[in-house]
Structures are given as C-alpha cells and as structure tokens.
Protein backbone atom coordinates (compact mmCIF):
# COMPACT_ATOMS: atom_id res chain seq x y z
CA MET A 1 -2.40 130.47 -165.42
CA VAL A 2 -4.59 133.87 -164.84
CA THR A 3 -6.64 132.05 -162.22
CA HIS A 4 -4.63 129.47 -160.69
CA TRP A 5 -0.95 130.79 -160.57
CA GLY A 6 -1.59 134.63 -160.66
CA MET A 7 -0.09 135.39 -163.93
CA GLY A 8 -2.18 138.16 -164.43
CA SER A 9 -2.29 142.01 -163.82
CA LEU A 10 -4.49 141.18 -160.29
CA GLY A 11 -1.09 139.77 -159.05
CA LEU A 12 -0.35 136.38 -156.99
CA GLN A 13 -3.73 135.50 -156.24
CA ALA A 14 -5.81 132.21 -156.56
CA PHE A 15 -9.07 132.78 -157.92
CA GLU A 16 -10.15 129.03 -158.27
CA VAL A 17 -9.61 125.83 -155.84
CA ASP A 18 -7.99 123.15 -157.49
CA GLU A 19 -10.45 120.63 -156.39
CA GLN A 20 -11.70 117.69 -158.36
CA GLN A 21 -15.53 117.08 -158.00
CA PRO A 22 -17.07 114.14 -159.07
CA PHE A 23 -20.79 115.59 -159.72
CA LEU A 24 -21.26 117.06 -163.28
CA GLY A 25 -22.20 120.74 -163.07
CA TYR A 26 -21.03 121.01 -159.55
CA ARG A 27 -19.03 124.10 -160.46
CA LEU A 28 -22.16 125.66 -162.05
CA THR A 29 -23.73 125.35 -158.91
CA GLN A 30 -21.41 127.12 -156.37
CA GLY A 31 -20.97 130.90 -156.40
CA ARG A 32 -18.00 133.02 -156.56
CA ASP A 33 -15.86 134.61 -154.07
CA TYR A 34 -14.97 137.68 -156.38
CA SER A 35 -16.88 140.11 -158.17
CA GLU A 36 -18.01 140.55 -162.21
CA GLN A 37 -15.04 143.14 -162.87
CA THR A 38 -12.31 140.97 -161.02
CA VAL A 39 -14.00 138.15 -163.76
CA ALA A 40 -13.94 140.59 -166.42
CA GLN A 41 -10.32 141.36 -165.69
CA ILE A 42 -9.48 138.01 -165.63
CA ASP A 43 -10.91 137.85 -169.29
CA ARG A 44 -9.02 140.65 -170.42
CA ASP A 45 -5.80 139.05 -168.92
CA ILE A 46 -6.59 135.95 -170.79
CA GLN A 47 -7.18 137.69 -174.31
CA THR A 48 -3.85 139.51 -173.75
CA ILE A 49 -1.99 136.30 -173.09
CA LEU A 50 -3.63 134.64 -176.48
CA ASN A 51 -2.94 137.74 -178.17
CA GLN A 52 0.39 138.02 -177.44
CA GLY A 53 1.01 134.32 -178.05
CA HIS A 54 -0.62 134.58 -181.14
CA GLU A 55 1.75 137.43 -182.19
CA GLU A 56 4.76 135.85 -181.46
CA VAL A 57 3.88 132.87 -183.34
CA LYS A 58 2.55 134.86 -186.30
CA ALA A 59 5.86 136.72 -186.40
CA MET A 60 8.03 133.40 -186.20
CA LEU A 61 6.06 131.78 -189.00
CA GLU A 62 6.57 135.04 -190.85
CA HIS A 63 10.17 135.05 -190.35
CA GLU A 64 10.75 131.63 -191.14
CA ARG A 65 8.53 131.63 -194.30
CA ALA A 66 10.66 130.79 -197.29
CA LYS A 67 11.97 127.73 -195.27
CA LEU A 68 8.14 126.71 -194.71
CA ASP A 69 7.34 127.58 -198.43
CA GLU A 70 10.43 125.07 -199.50
CA LEU A 71 8.99 122.61 -197.06
CA VAL A 72 5.40 122.92 -198.76
CA ASP A 73 7.07 122.39 -202.07
CA THR A 74 8.92 119.61 -201.42
CA ILE A 75 6.10 117.83 -199.38
CA LEU A 76 3.79 118.67 -202.57
CA LYS A 77 6.13 117.04 -204.94
CA ASP A 78 7.87 114.33 -203.31
CA GLU A 79 5.02 113.22 -200.95
CA THR A 80 7.33 112.11 -197.90
CA LEU A 81 10.44 113.93 -196.22
CA GLU A 82 13.15 111.83 -194.02
CA HIS A 83 13.70 113.17 -190.54
CA ASP A 84 17.45 114.15 -191.85
CA ARG A 85 16.46 116.25 -194.43
CA LEU A 86 13.59 118.05 -192.71
CA GLU A 87 16.39 119.06 -190.02
CA HIS A 88 18.29 119.99 -192.81
CA MET A 89 15.75 122.59 -194.39
CA LEU A 90 14.24 124.28 -191.19
CA GLY A 91 18.06 124.37 -190.03
CA VAL A 92 16.63 123.02 -186.75
CA CYS A 93 16.64 119.80 -184.77
CA VAL A 94 13.64 118.10 -184.77
CA GLY A 95 13.02 115.56 -182.04
CA GLU A 96 14.79 113.65 -180.10
CA GLN A 97 18.52 114.16 -180.17
CA LYS A 98 20.06 111.29 -181.34
CA PRO A 99 22.46 109.23 -179.35
CA GLU A 100 26.29 109.82 -179.51
CA GLN A 101 28.38 107.11 -180.42
C-alpha cells in the first residue's frame, strides 16, 4: 500500500516496480533509487497502518466481547453451531446471502 500506491506520508509515489523476476534473490542484488531516510519513513508509515488496524480490530472485539463470550460458551458446551444460530448470536449475516424465494 505504501510503496506501490502511495498510501503513506510520502504521497503519491511508487517506490517499487511491479516486475516479476524469475531469479531467486534478484531484488537483493539490485540497488534502490531512494535513500535510507525514505526507507525509514516507509517503515514508519507501514507500522502506523498496522497499529491503526490493530487498534480498530481490538476496539471492535472489545465492543462485541459479550457476544464473543456467549459464542465461546456455546461452542464449548455444544461443540457445534448451526449457521442460523451463529447469525442470531452475533446479530450479523455470516457468509453468503441466502437467495430469496
């Protein structure tokens, strides 16, 4: 996301060419066209994206903790769970939509 599509603080720049090379280790032998400072900024941008995603998922899981605890208890007790019951417990549609008849 950061190096191919410019989704970091460096803006709309691509830092990697999307070339497929058949030789193992080819990229390791090629030089870069950007500085170590740019590499460090790319690493910081990637870490920021990962941290934001982690925090969002953690917040969602904490918000739905009661449903998840109920799910765990049901699975431990019954060992299996039907699709409809799972949707009812979680309050969401899980998987593909059922065709209307």
